PDB file of N, CA and C in Angstrom:
ATOM      1  N   MET A   1    -108.209  95.278  10.187  1.00  0.00           N
ATOM      2  CA  MET A   1    -107.380  94.241   9.617  1.00  0.00           C
ATOM      3  C   MET A   1    -106.421  94.885   8.621  1.00  0.00           C
ATOM      4  N   THR A   2    -105.199  94.428   8.645  1.00  0.00           N
ATOM      5  CA  THR A   2    -104.172  94.981   7.775  1.00  0.00           C
ATOM      6  C   THR A   2    -103.764  93.927   6.754  1.00  0.00           C
ATOM      7  N   THR A   3    -103.587  94.356   5.526  1.00  0.00           N
ATOM      8  CA  THR A   3    -103.102  93.452   4.496  1.00  0.00           C
ATOM      9  C   THR A   3    -101.764  93.937   3.989  1.00  0.00           C
ATOM     10  N   ALA A   4    -100.947  93.001   3.636  1.00  0.00           N
ATOM     11  CA  ALA A   4     -99.636  93.339   3.097  1.00  0.00           C
ATOM     12  C   ALA A   4     -99.574  92.835   1.661  1.00  0.00           C
ATOM     13  N   THR A   5     -99.065  93.641   0.797  1.00  0.00           N
ATOM     14  CA  THR A   5     -98.938  93.275  -0.600  1.00  0.00           C
ATOM     15  C   THR A   5     -97.474  93.324  -0.987  1.00  0.00           C
ATOM     16  N   LEU A   6     -97.023  92.242  -1.621  1.00  0.00           N
ATOM     17  CA  LEU A   6     -95.637  92.215  -2.083  1.00  0.00           C
ATOM     18  C   LEU A   6     -95.553  92.882  -3.448  1.00  0.00           C
ATOM     19  N   THR A   7     -94.660  93.756  -3.548  1.00  0.00           N
ATOM     20  CA  THR A   7     -94.394  94.391  -4.823  1.00  0.00           C
ATOM     21  C   THR A   7     -93.134  93.773  -5.395  1.00  0.00           C
ATOM     22  N   PRO A   8     -92.904  93.885  -6.696  1.00  0.00           N
ATOM     23  CA  PRO A   8     -91.695  93.290  -7.279  1.00  0.00           C
ATOM     24  C   PRO A   8     -90.420  93.746  -6.597  1.00  0.00           C
ATOM     25  N   SER A   9     -90.375  94.939  -6.113  1.00  0.00           N
ATOM     26  CA  SER A   9     -89.157  95.423  -5.470  1.00  0.00           C
ATOM     27  C   SER A   9     -88.978  94.845  -4.074  1.00  0.00           C
ATOM     28  N   ALA A  10     -90.038  94.274  -3.486  1.00  0.00           N
ATOM     29  CA  ALA A  10     -89.943  93.726  -2.135  1.00  0.00           C
ATOM     30  C   ALA A  10     -89.464  92.272  -2.131  1.00  0.00           C
ATOM     31  N   ARG A  11     -89.395  91.625  -3.291  1.00  0.00           N
ATOM     32  CA  ARG A  11     -88.941  90.238  -3.350  1.00  0.00           C
ATOM     33  C   ARG A  11     -87.429  90.160  -3.168  1.00  0.00           C
ATOM     34  N   PRO A  12     -86.952  89.041  -2.588  1.00  0.00           N
ATOM     35  CA  PRO A  12     -85.504  88.882  -2.466  1.00  0.00           C
ATOM     36  C   PRO A  12     -84.857  88.773  -3.847  1.00  0.00           C
ATOM     37  N   SER A  13     -83.632  89.148  -3.921  1.00  0.00           N
ATOM     38  CA  SER A  13     -82.940  89.131  -5.203  1.00  0.00           C
ATOM     39  C   SER A  13     -82.593  87.699  -5.614  1.00  0.00           C
ATOM     40  N   THR A  14     -82.492  87.488  -6.908  1.00  0.00           N
ATOM     41  CA  THR A  14     -82.117  86.181  -7.434  1.00  0.00           C
ATOM     42  C   THR A  14     -80.699  85.831  -7.013  1.00  0.00           C
ATOM     43  N   ARG A  15     -79.874  86.819  -6.865  1.00  0.00           N
ATOM     44  CA  ARG A  15     -78.494  86.598  -6.446  1.00  0.00           C
ATOM     45  C   ARG A  15     -78.443  85.948  -5.062  1.00  0.00           C
ATOM     46  N   PHE A  16     -79.444  86.246  -4.236  1.00  0.00           N
ATOM     47  CA  PHE A  16     -79.501  85.669  -2.898  1.00  0.00           C
ATOM     48  C   PHE A  16     -80.148  84.275  -2.934  1.00  0.00           C
ATOM     49  N   LEU A  17     -81.175  84.079  -3.763  1.00  0.00           N
ATOM     50  CA  LEU A  17     -81.924  82.818  -3.764  1.00  0.00           C
ATOM     51  C   LEU A  17     -81.210  81.675  -4.475  1.00  0.00           C
ATOM     52  N   THR A  18     -80.435  81.963  -5.497  1.00  0.00           N
ATOM     53  CA  THR A  18     -79.795  80.902  -6.267  1.00  0.00           C
ATOM     54  C   THR A  18     -78.880  80.027  -5.407  1.00  0.00           C
ATOM     55  N   PRO A  19     -77.983  80.582  -4.604  1.00  0.00           N
ATOM     56  CA  PRO A  19     -77.143  79.711  -3.767  1.00  0.00           C
ATOM     57  C   PRO A  19     -77.958  78.928  -2.741  1.00  0.00           C
ATOM     58  N   ILE A  20     -79.034  79.530  -2.238  1.00  0.00           N
ATOM     59  CA  ILE A  20     -79.887  78.831  -1.274  1.00  0.00           C
ATOM     60  C   ILE A  20     -80.546  77.630  -1.955  1.00  0.00           C
ATOM     61  N   ARG A  21     -81.053  77.833  -3.156  1.00  0.00           N
ATOM     62  CA  ARG A  21     -81.675  76.728  -3.893  1.00  0.00           C
ATOM     63  C   ARG A  21     -80.664  75.630  -4.188  1.00  0.00           C
ATOM     64  N   GLN A  22     -79.455  75.990  -4.543  1.00  0.00           N
ATOM     65  CA  GLN A  22     -78.426  74.995  -4.839  1.00  0.00           C
ATOM     66  C   GLN A  22     -78.064  74.190  -3.595  1.00  0.00           C
ATOM     67  N   LEU A  23     -77.943  74.879  -2.467  1.00  0.00           N
ATOM     68  CA  LEU A  23     -77.635  74.174  -1.223  1.00  0.00           C
ATOM     69  C   LEU A  23     -78.766  73.224  -0.840  1.00  0.00           C
ATOM     70  N   LEU A  24     -79.991  73.684  -0.985  1.00  0.00           N
ATOM     71  CA  LEU A  24     -81.139  72.849  -0.659  1.00  0.00           C
ATOM     72  C   LEU A  24     -81.209  71.633  -1.582  1.00  0.00           C
ATOM     73  N   ALA A  25     -80.985  71.825  -2.861  1.00  0.00           N
ATOM     74  CA  ALA A  25     -81.011  70.713  -3.812  1.00  0.00           C
ATOM     75  C   ALA A  25     -79.907  69.704  -3.492  1.00  0.00           C
ATOM     76  N   HIS A  26     -78.720  70.191  -3.153  1.00  0.00           N
ATOM     77  CA  HIS A  26     -77.609  69.301  -2.807  1.00  0.00           C
ATOM     78  C   HIS A  26     -77.923  68.519  -1.538  1.00  0.00           C
ATOM     79  N   TRP A  27     -78.482  69.189  -0.541  1.00  0.00           N
ATOM     80  CA  TRP A  27     -78.804  68.534   0.714  1.00  0.00           C
ATOM     81  C   TRP A  27     -79.873  67.469   0.503  1.00  0.00           C
ATOM     82  N   LEU A  28     -80.919  67.800  -0.268  1.00  0.00           N
ATOM     83  CA  LEU A  28     -81.994  66.839  -0.509  1.00  0.00           C
ATOM     84  C   LEU A  28     -81.490  65.619  -1.281  1.00  0.00           C
ATOM     85  N   SER A  29     -80.659  65.832  -2.283  1.00  0.00           N
ATOM     86  CA  SER A  29     -80.144  64.692  -3.042  1.00  0.00           C
ATOM     87  C   SER A  29     -79.262  63.814  -2.152  1.00  0.00           C
ATOM     88  N   ALA A  30     -78.511  64.410  -1.241  1.00  0.00           N
ATOM     89  CA  ALA A  30     -77.685  63.624  -0.321  1.00  0.00           C
ATOM     90  C   ALA A  30     -78.554  62.828   0.643  1.00  0.00           C
ATOM     91  N   GLN A  31     -79.661  63.411   1.096  1.00  0.00           N
ATOM     92  CA  GLN A  31     -80.553  62.709   2.014  1.00  0.00           C
ATOM     93  C   GLN A  31     -81.200  61.502   1.344  1.00  0.00           C
ATOM     94  N   PHE A  32     -81.663  61.676   0.111  1.00  0.00           N
ATOM     95  CA  PHE A  32     -82.318  60.566  -0.576  1.00  0.00           C
ATOM     96  C   PHE A  32     -81.313  59.510  -1.015  1.00  0.00           C
ATOM     97  N   ALA A  33     -80.109  59.897  -1.337  1.00  0.00           N
ATOM     98  CA  ALA A  33     -79.087  58.925  -1.722  1.00  0.00           C
ATOM     99  C   ALA A  33     -78.687  58.086  -0.509  1.00  0.00           C
ATOM    100  N   ALA A  34     -78.632  58.704   0.660  1.00  0.00           N
ATOM    101  CA  ALA A  34     -78.239  57.984   1.867  1.00  0.00           C
ATOM    102  C   ALA A  34     -79.317  57.007   2.309  1.00  0.00           C
ATOM    103  N   SER A  35     -80.568  57.255   1.951  1.00  0.00           N
ATOM    104  CA  SER A  35     -81.639  56.391   2.408  1.00  0.00           C
ATOM    105  C   SER A  35     -82.104  55.424   1.317  1.00  0.00           C
ATOM    106  N   ALA A  36     -81.206  55.038   0.446  1.00  0.00           N
ATOM    107  CA  ALA A  36     -81.553  54.083  -0.608  1.00  0.00           C
ATOM    108  C   ALA A  36     -81.916  52.746   0.039  1.00  0.00           C
ATOM    109  N   PRO A  37     -82.942  52.089  -0.459  1.00  0.00           N
ATOM    110  CA  PRO A  37     -83.357  50.831   0.171  1.00  0.00           C
ATOM    111  C   PRO A  37     -82.302  49.746  -0.007  1.00  0.00           C
ATOM    112  N   ARG A  38     -82.152  48.935   1.005  1.00  0.00           N
ATOM    113  CA  ARG A  38     -81.201  47.833   0.943  1.00  0.00           C
ATOM    114  C   ARG A  38     -81.932  46.574   0.513  1.00  0.00           C
ATOM    115  N   ALA A  39     -81.195  45.631   0.056  1.00  0.00           N
ATOM    116  CA  ALA A  39     -81.783  44.352  -0.353  1.00  0.00           C
ATOM    117  C   ALA A  39     -82.217  43.578   0.886  1.00  0.00           C
ATOM    118  N   LEU A  40     -83.349  42.897   0.790  1.00  0.00           N
ATOM    119  CA  LEU A  40     -83.832  42.100   1.908  1.00  0.00           C
ATOM    120  C   LEU A  40     -83.018  40.820   2.036  1.00  0.00           C
ATOM    121  N   THR A  41     -82.892  40.354   3.258  1.00  0.00           N
ATOM    122  CA  THR A  41     -82.228  39.070   3.480  1.00  0.00           C
ATOM    123  C   THR A  41     -83.218  37.952   3.170  1.00  0.00           C
ATOM    124  N   ALA A  42     -82.714  36.747   3.049  1.00  0.00           N
ATOM    125  CA  ALA A  42     -83.576  35.593   2.787  1.00  0.00           C
ATOM    126  C   ALA A  42     -84.572  35.402   3.928  1.00  0.00           C
ATOM    127  N   PHE A  43     -84.136  35.665   5.147  1.00  0.00           N
ATOM    128  CA  PHE A  43     -85.035  35.544   6.299  1.00  0.00           C
ATOM    129  C   PHE A  43     -86.175  36.555   6.195  1.00  0.00           C
ATOM    130  N   GLU A  44     -85.869  37.804   5.840  1.00  0.00           N
ATOM    131  CA  GLU A  44     -86.909  38.836   5.724  1.00  0.00           C
ATOM    132  C   GLU A  44     -87.894  38.509   4.600  1.00  0.00           C
ATOM    133  N   GLU A  45     -87.373  38.005   3.485  1.00  0.00           N
ATOM    134  CA  GLU A  45     -88.263  37.610   2.388  1.00  0.00           C
ATOM    135  C   GLU A  45     -89.176  36.469   2.813  1.00  0.00           C
ATOM    136  N   ALA A  46     -88.609  35.488   3.516  1.00  0.00           N
ATOM    137  CA  ALA A  46     -89.409  34.357   3.980  1.00  0.00           C
ATOM    138  C   ALA A  46     -90.468  34.814   4.974  1.00  0.00           C
ATOM    139  N   GLU A  47     -90.133  35.755   5.823  1.00  0.00           N
ATOM    140  CA  GLU A  47     -91.105  36.278   6.784  1.00  0.00           C
ATOM    141  C   GLU A  47     -92.258  36.990   6.079  1.00  0.00           C
ATOM    142  N   GLN A  48     -91.978  37.673   4.984  1.00  0.00           N
ATOM    143  CA  GLN A  48     -93.051  38.318   4.218  1.00  0.00           C
ATOM    144  C   GLN A  48     -93.990  37.271   3.624  1.00  0.00           C
ATOM    145  N   VAL A  49     -93.423  36.186   3.121  1.00  0.00           N
ATOM    146  CA  VAL A  49     -94.254  35.115   2.561  1.00  0.00           C
ATOM    147  C   VAL A  49     -95.065  34.447   3.667  1.00  0.00           C
ATOM    148  N   ARG A  50     -94.459  34.258   4.831  1.00  0.00           N
ATOM    149  CA  ARG A  50     -95.192  33.660   5.955  1.00  0.00           C
ATOM    150  C   ARG A  50     -96.345  34.560   6.402  1.00  0.00           C
ATOM    151  N   ALA A  51     -96.121  35.864   6.414  1.00  0.00           N
ATOM    152  CA  ALA A  51     -97.193  36.803   6.782  1.00  0.00           C
ATOM    153  C   ALA A  51     -98.348  36.710   5.779  1.00  0.00           C
ATOM    154  N   MET A  52     -98.020  36.544   4.509  1.00  0.00           N
ATOM    155  CA  MET A  52     -99.049  36.366   3.494  1.00  0.00           C
ATOM    156  C   MET A  52     -99.804  35.063   3.748  1.00  0.00           C
ATOM    157  N   ALA A  53     -99.094  34.019   4.110  1.00  0.00           N
ATOM    158  CA  ALA A  53     -99.719  32.726   4.375  1.00  0.00           C
ATOM    159  C   ALA A  53    -100.673  32.804   5.559  1.00  0.00           C
ATOM    160  N   VAL A  54    -100.276  33.530   6.599  1.00  0.00           N
ATOM    161  CA  VAL A  54    -101.152  33.683   7.768  1.00  0.00           C
ATOM    162  C   VAL A  54    -102.448  34.375   7.359  1.00  0.00           C
ATOM    163  N   GLY A  55    -102.348  35.371   6.489  1.00  0.00           N
ATOM    164  CA  GLY A  55    -103.536  36.072   6.025  1.00  0.00           C
ATOM    165  C   GLY A  55    -104.468  35.203   5.191  1.00  0.00           C
ATOM    166  N   LEU A  56    -103.921  34.179   4.546  1.00  0.00           N
ATOM    167  CA  LEU A  56    -104.719  33.294   3.683  1.00  0.00           C
ATOM    168  C   LEU A  56    -105.159  32.011   4.380  1.00  0.00           C
ATOM    169  N   MET A  57    -104.748  31.835   5.619  1.00  0.00           N
ATOM    170  CA  MET A  57    -104.989  30.582   6.334  1.00  0.00           C
ATOM    171  C   MET A  57    -106.477  30.213   6.386  1.00  0.00           C
ATOM    172  N   ASN A  58    -107.359  31.156   6.655  1.00  0.00           N
ATOM    173  CA  ASN A  58    -108.783  30.849   6.779  1.00  0.00           C
ATOM    174  C   ASN A  58    -109.449  30.621   5.422  1.00  0.00           C
ATOM    175  N   ASP A  59    -108.990  31.318   4.387  1.00  0.00           N
ATOM    176  CA  ASP A  59    -109.617  31.216   3.070  1.00  0.00           C
ATOM    177  C   ASP A  59    -109.153  29.986   2.288  1.00  0.00           C
ATOM    178  N   ASP A  60    -107.858  29.721   2.336  1.00  0.00           N
ATOM    179  CA  ASP A  60    -107.301  28.612   1.545  1.00  0.00           C
ATOM    180  C   ASP A  60    -106.148  27.972   2.321  1.00  0.00           C
ATOM    181  N   PRO A  61    -106.480  27.073   3.258  1.00  0.00           N
ATOM    182  CA  PRO A  61    -105.424  26.505   4.100  1.00  0.00           C
ATOM    183  C   PRO A  61    -104.382  25.691   3.329  1.00  0.00           C
ATOM    184  N   ALA A  62    -104.775  25.074   2.239  1.00  0.00           N
ATOM    185  CA  ALA A  62    -103.804  24.285   1.473  1.00  0.00           C
ATOM    186  C   ALA A  62    -102.770  25.198   0.810  1.00  0.00           C
ATOM    187  N   PHE A  63    -103.230  26.309   0.248  1.00  0.00           N
ATOM    188  CA  PHE A  63    -102.310  27.254  -0.372  1.00  0.00           C
ATOM    189  C   PHE A  63    -101.427  27.910   0.684  1.00  0.00           C
ATOM    190  N   ALA A  64    -101.997  28.198   1.863  1.00  0.00           N
ATOM    191  CA  ALA A  64    -101.203  28.771   2.953  1.00  0.00           C
ATOM    192  C   ALA A  64    -100.099  27.807   3.373  1.00  0.00           C
ATOM    193  N   ALA A  65    -100.420  26.514   3.432  1.00  0.00           N
ATOM    194  CA  ALA A  65     -99.405  25.510   3.780  1.00  0.00           C
ATOM    195  C   ALA A  65     -98.304  25.470   2.729  1.00  0.00           C
ATOM    196  N   ASP A  66     -98.695  25.591   1.460  1.00  0.00           N
ATOM    197  CA  ASP A  66     -97.691  25.633   0.388  1.00  0.00           C
ATOM    198  C   ASP A  66     -96.786  26.856   0.534  1.00  0.00           C
ATOM    199  N   LEU A  67     -97.373  27.988   0.904  1.00  0.00           N
ATOM    200  CA  LEU A  67     -96.568  29.204   1.096  1.00  0.00           C
ATOM    201  C   LEU A  67     -95.595  29.047   2.265  1.00  0.00           C
ATOM    202  N   PHE A  68     -96.063  28.434   3.365  1.00  0.00           N
ATOM    203  CA  PHE A  68     -95.162  28.190   4.499  1.00  0.00           C
ATOM    204  C   PHE A  68     -93.990  27.300   4.076  1.00  0.00           C
ATOM    205  N   ALA A  69     -94.287  26.263   3.310  1.00  0.00           N
ATOM    206  CA  ALA A  69     -93.232  25.353   2.848  1.00  0.00           C
ATOM    207  C   ALA A  69     -92.258  26.078   1.923  1.00  0.00           C
ATOM    208  N   ALA A  70     -92.792  26.907   1.035  1.00  0.00           N
ATOM    209  CA  ALA A  70     -91.924  27.655   0.117  1.00  0.00           C
ATOM    210  C   ALA A  70     -91.038  28.635   0.885  1.00  0.00           C
ATOM    211  N   ALA A  71     -91.599  29.259   1.901  1.00  0.00           N
ATOM    212  CA  ALA A  71     -90.802  30.190   2.704  1.00  0.00           C
ATOM    213  C   ALA A  71     -89.670  29.458   3.418  1.00  0.00           C
ATOM    214  N   ASP A  72     -89.980  28.271   3.962  1.00  0.00           N
ATOM    215  CA  ASP A  72     -88.937  27.489   4.633  1.00  0.00           C
ATOM    216  C   ASP A  72     -87.842  27.072   3.653  1.00  0.00           C
ATOM    217  N   ARG A  73     -88.247  26.581   2.476  1.00  0.00           N
ATOM    218  CA  ARG A  73     -87.245  26.178   1.483  1.00  0.00           C
ATOM    219  C   ARG A  73     -86.367  27.362   1.084  1.00  0.00           C
ATOM    220  N   HIS A  74     -86.985  28.511   0.905  1.00  0.00           N
ATOM    221  CA  HIS A  74     -86.212  29.702   0.499  1.00  0.00           C
ATOM    222  C   HIS A  74     -85.223  30.097   1.588  1.00  0.00           C
ATOM    223  N   GLU A  75     -85.693  30.135   2.826  1.00  0.00           N
ATOM    224  CA  GLU A  75     -84.825  30.557   3.920  1.00  0.00           C
ATOM    225  C   GLU A  75     -83.687  29.566   4.152  1.00  0.00           C
ATOM    226  N   PHE A  76     -84.005  28.300   4.212  1.00  0.00           N
ATOM    227  CA  PHE A  76     -82.972  27.292   4.494  1.00  0.00           C
ATOM    228  C   PHE A  76     -82.076  27.042   3.283  1.00  0.00           C
ATOM    229  N   GLY A  77     -82.584  27.262   2.085  1.00  0.00           N
ATOM    230  CA  GLY A  77     -81.765  27.125   0.889  1.00  0.00           C
ATOM    231  C   GLY A  77     -80.708  28.221   0.793  1.00  0.00           C
ATOM    232  N   ALA A  78     -81.013  29.395   1.332  1.00  0.00           N
ATOM    233  CA  ALA A  78     -80.053  30.490   1.315  1.00  0.00           C
ATOM    234  C   ALA A  78     -78.938  30.269   2.319  1.00  0.00           C
ATOM    235  N   GLN A  79     -79.208  29.483   3.357  1.00  0.00           N
ATOM    236  CA  GLN A  79     -78.180  29.220   4.381  1.00  0.00           C
ATOM    237  C   GLN A  79     -77.202  28.147   3.957  1.00  0.00           C
ATOM    238  N   ALA A  80     -77.594  27.325   3.002  1.00  0.00           N
ATOM    239  CA  ALA A  80     -76.728  26.209   2.579  1.00  0.00           C
ATOM    240  C   ALA A  80     -75.582  26.674   1.725  1.00  0.00           C
TER     241      ALA A  80
END
């Protein structure tokens, strides 16, 4: 079995790594800036509330019905 040991002289120079790090940092910041979350539409928000209501249907049907009604009011109120 062979082992390799890096000595200080075997490392790449800082002059070479600095521009690479800058390019990588610029690229990463551009990627995260481009993927910023968008605001949900009223329909998407209402669908999230409806999904919550479906999950609560067996435990508390009255509260689930209230959530369905609130989701409908929110969705249709945004269209008016």
